[in-house]
Protein backbone atom coordinates (compact mmCIF):
# COMPACT_ATOMS: atom_id res chain seq x y z
CA UNK A 1 -4.88 -24.17 -72.42
CA UNK A 2 -3.48 -27.65 -71.86
CA UNK A 3 -4.25 -30.31 -74.45
CA UNK A 4 -3.72 -34.05 -74.27
CA UNK A 5 -3.98 -36.27 -77.32
CA UNK A 6 -4.82 -39.82 -76.30
CA UNK A 7 -3.93 -41.12 -79.78
CA UNK A 8 -0.50 -39.45 -79.78
CA UNK A 9 0.00 -39.93 -76.02
CA UNK A 10 1.23 -36.36 -75.74
CA UNK A 11 0.55 -33.23 -73.72
CA UNK A 12 0.86 -29.70 -75.13
CA UNK A 13 0.95 -26.35 -73.31
CA UNK A 14 2.75 -23.02 -73.59
CA UNK A 15 3.62 -23.68 -77.24
CA UNK A 16 5.39 -27.03 -76.75
CA UNK A 17 4.41 -30.72 -76.73
CA UNK A 18 5.82 -33.55 -74.65
CA UNK A 19 5.31 -37.32 -74.38
CA UNK A 20 2.75 -38.47 -71.81
CA UNK A 21 1.53 -41.78 -70.43
CA UNK A 22 -2.23 -42.28 -70.64
CA UNK A 23 -4.66 -45.08 -69.88
CA UNK A 24 -7.51 -46.76 -71.70
CA UNK A 25 -9.89 -45.11 -69.25
CA UNK A 26 -8.39 -41.60 -69.34
CA UNK A 27 -11.54 -39.51 -69.74
CA UNK A 28 -11.91 -37.31 -72.81
CA UNK A 29 -13.46 -33.87 -72.56
CA UNK A 30 -12.86 -30.38 -71.24
CA UNK A 31 -11.86 -29.99 -67.60
CA UNK A 32 -10.65 -27.43 -65.10
CA UNK A 33 -7.48 -28.48 -63.29
CA UNK A 34 -6.79 -27.87 -59.62
CA UNK A 35 -3.54 -28.47 -57.78
CA UNK A 36 -3.85 -30.74 -54.76
CA UNK A 37 -1.34 -32.05 -52.25
CA UNK A 38 -0.95 -35.81 -51.93
CA UNK A 39 0.84 -37.81 -49.25
CA UNK A 40 1.85 -40.81 -51.42
CA UNK A 41 5.58 -40.40 -52.18
CA UNK A 42 5.09 -41.82 -55.68
CA UNK A 43 3.48 -38.58 -56.83
CA UNK A 44 6.06 -36.05 -55.66
CA UNK A 45 3.83 -34.14 -53.23
CA UNK A 46 1.14 -32.76 -55.53
CA UNK A 47 -0.98 -33.47 -58.60
CA UNK A 48 -3.20 -31.53 -60.99
CA UNK A 49 -6.65 -33.08 -60.57
CA UNK A 50 -8.99 -32.83 -63.54
CA UNK A 51 -11.85 -35.17 -62.63
CA UNK A 52 -13.13 -36.90 -59.51
CA UNK A 53 -15.84 -39.42 -58.73
CA UNK A 54 -16.89 -41.05 -55.49
CA UNK A 55 -14.15 -43.68 -55.87
CA UNK A 56 -11.68 -42.35 -58.50
CA UNK A 57 -9.47 -39.36 -59.06
CA UNK A 58 -7.90 -38.50 -62.42
CA UNK A 59 -4.89 -36.20 -62.46
CA UNK A 60 -1.81 -35.07 -64.31
CA UNK A 61 1.25 -35.93 -62.25
CA UNK A 62 4.92 -36.76 -62.30
CA UNK A 63 5.64 -40.22 -63.70
CA UNK A 64 4.90 -42.84 -61.05
CA UNK A 65 8.05 -44.91 -60.45
CA UNK A 66 7.31 -46.96 -57.32
CA UNK A 67 6.45 -50.06 -59.37
CA UNK A 68 9.65 -50.72 -61.39
CA UNK A 69 8.02 -53.62 -63.26
CA UNK A 70 5.88 -51.09 -65.16
CA UNK A 71 8.96 -49.30 -66.62
CA UNK A 72 6.97 -46.08 -66.86
CA UNK A 73 10.06 -43.92 -67.36
CA UNK A 74 11.27 -46.13 -70.22
CA UNK A 75 7.83 -46.11 -71.81
CA UNK A 76 7.59 -42.34 -71.40
CA UNK A 77 10.92 -41.95 -73.22
CA UNK A 78 9.72 -44.07 -76.14
CA UNK A 79 9.16 -42.27 -79.45
CA UNK A 80 6.28 -44.68 -80.19
CA UNK A 81 2.89 -43.40 -78.98
CA UNK A 82 1.69 -47.01 -78.70
CA UNK A 83 4.25 -47.64 -75.96
CA UNK A 84 2.81 -44.72 -73.98
CA UNK A 85 -0.89 -45.62 -74.26
CA UNK A 86 -2.81 -47.96 -71.93
CA UNK A 87 -0.14 -47.64 -69.25
CA UNK A 88 -1.93 -45.79 -66.46
CA UNK A 89 -5.21 -46.33 -64.65
CA UNK A 90 -6.48 -43.12 -66.25
CA UNK A 91 -4.11 -40.47 -64.97
CA UNK A 92 -1.72 -38.60 -67.23
CA UNK A 93 1.95 -39.13 -66.32
CA UNK A 94 4.72 -36.78 -67.45
CA UNK A 95 8.41 -36.38 -66.68
CA UNK A 96 9.06 -34.36 -63.49
CA UNK A 97 10.56 -31.41 -65.39
CA UNK A 98 7.51 -31.29 -67.68
CA UNK A 99 5.21 -31.34 -64.65
CA UNK A 100 7.17 -28.46 -63.08
CA UNK A 101 6.84 -26.41 -66.31
CA UNK A 102 3.13 -27.19 -66.44
CA UNK A 103 2.53 -26.09 -62.85
CA UNK A 104 4.57 -22.91 -63.34
CA UNK A 105 2.51 -21.71 -66.29
CA UNK A 106 -0.80 -23.46 -66.46
CA UNK A 107 -1.98 -24.94 -63.16
CA UNK A 108 -5.27 -23.04 -63.38
CA UNK A 109 -5.85 -23.51 -67.12
CA UNK A 110 -8.46 -25.53 -68.95
CA UNK A 111 -7.48 -29.07 -69.94
CA UNK A 112 -8.80 -30.59 -73.16
CA UNK A 113 -8.37 -34.36 -73.54
CA UNK A 114 -9.20 -35.80 -76.94
């Protein structure tokens, strides 16, 4: 199971927790994740989708760095959860090495966002 705490702005899986960037509209609930390829270079080739609508897609993905003004990497490195909340448009951003660990162990697991 993968769990994401919106309050702590963290993601936990395989017995460890890591900082994560989340947004004010990151949906809470229980979801099934599915790995999907994406062409946009800002996402590193693939994402773990957990919810879709007619116009939106919510996913866990590598930290998006193509807009340097957002300083997502710096915010992700912050020890303050408040610096990591309300950053994204609803997706969950993690460091690339965390994403790789997540895909290796849990890319077909259930995601709980609370």
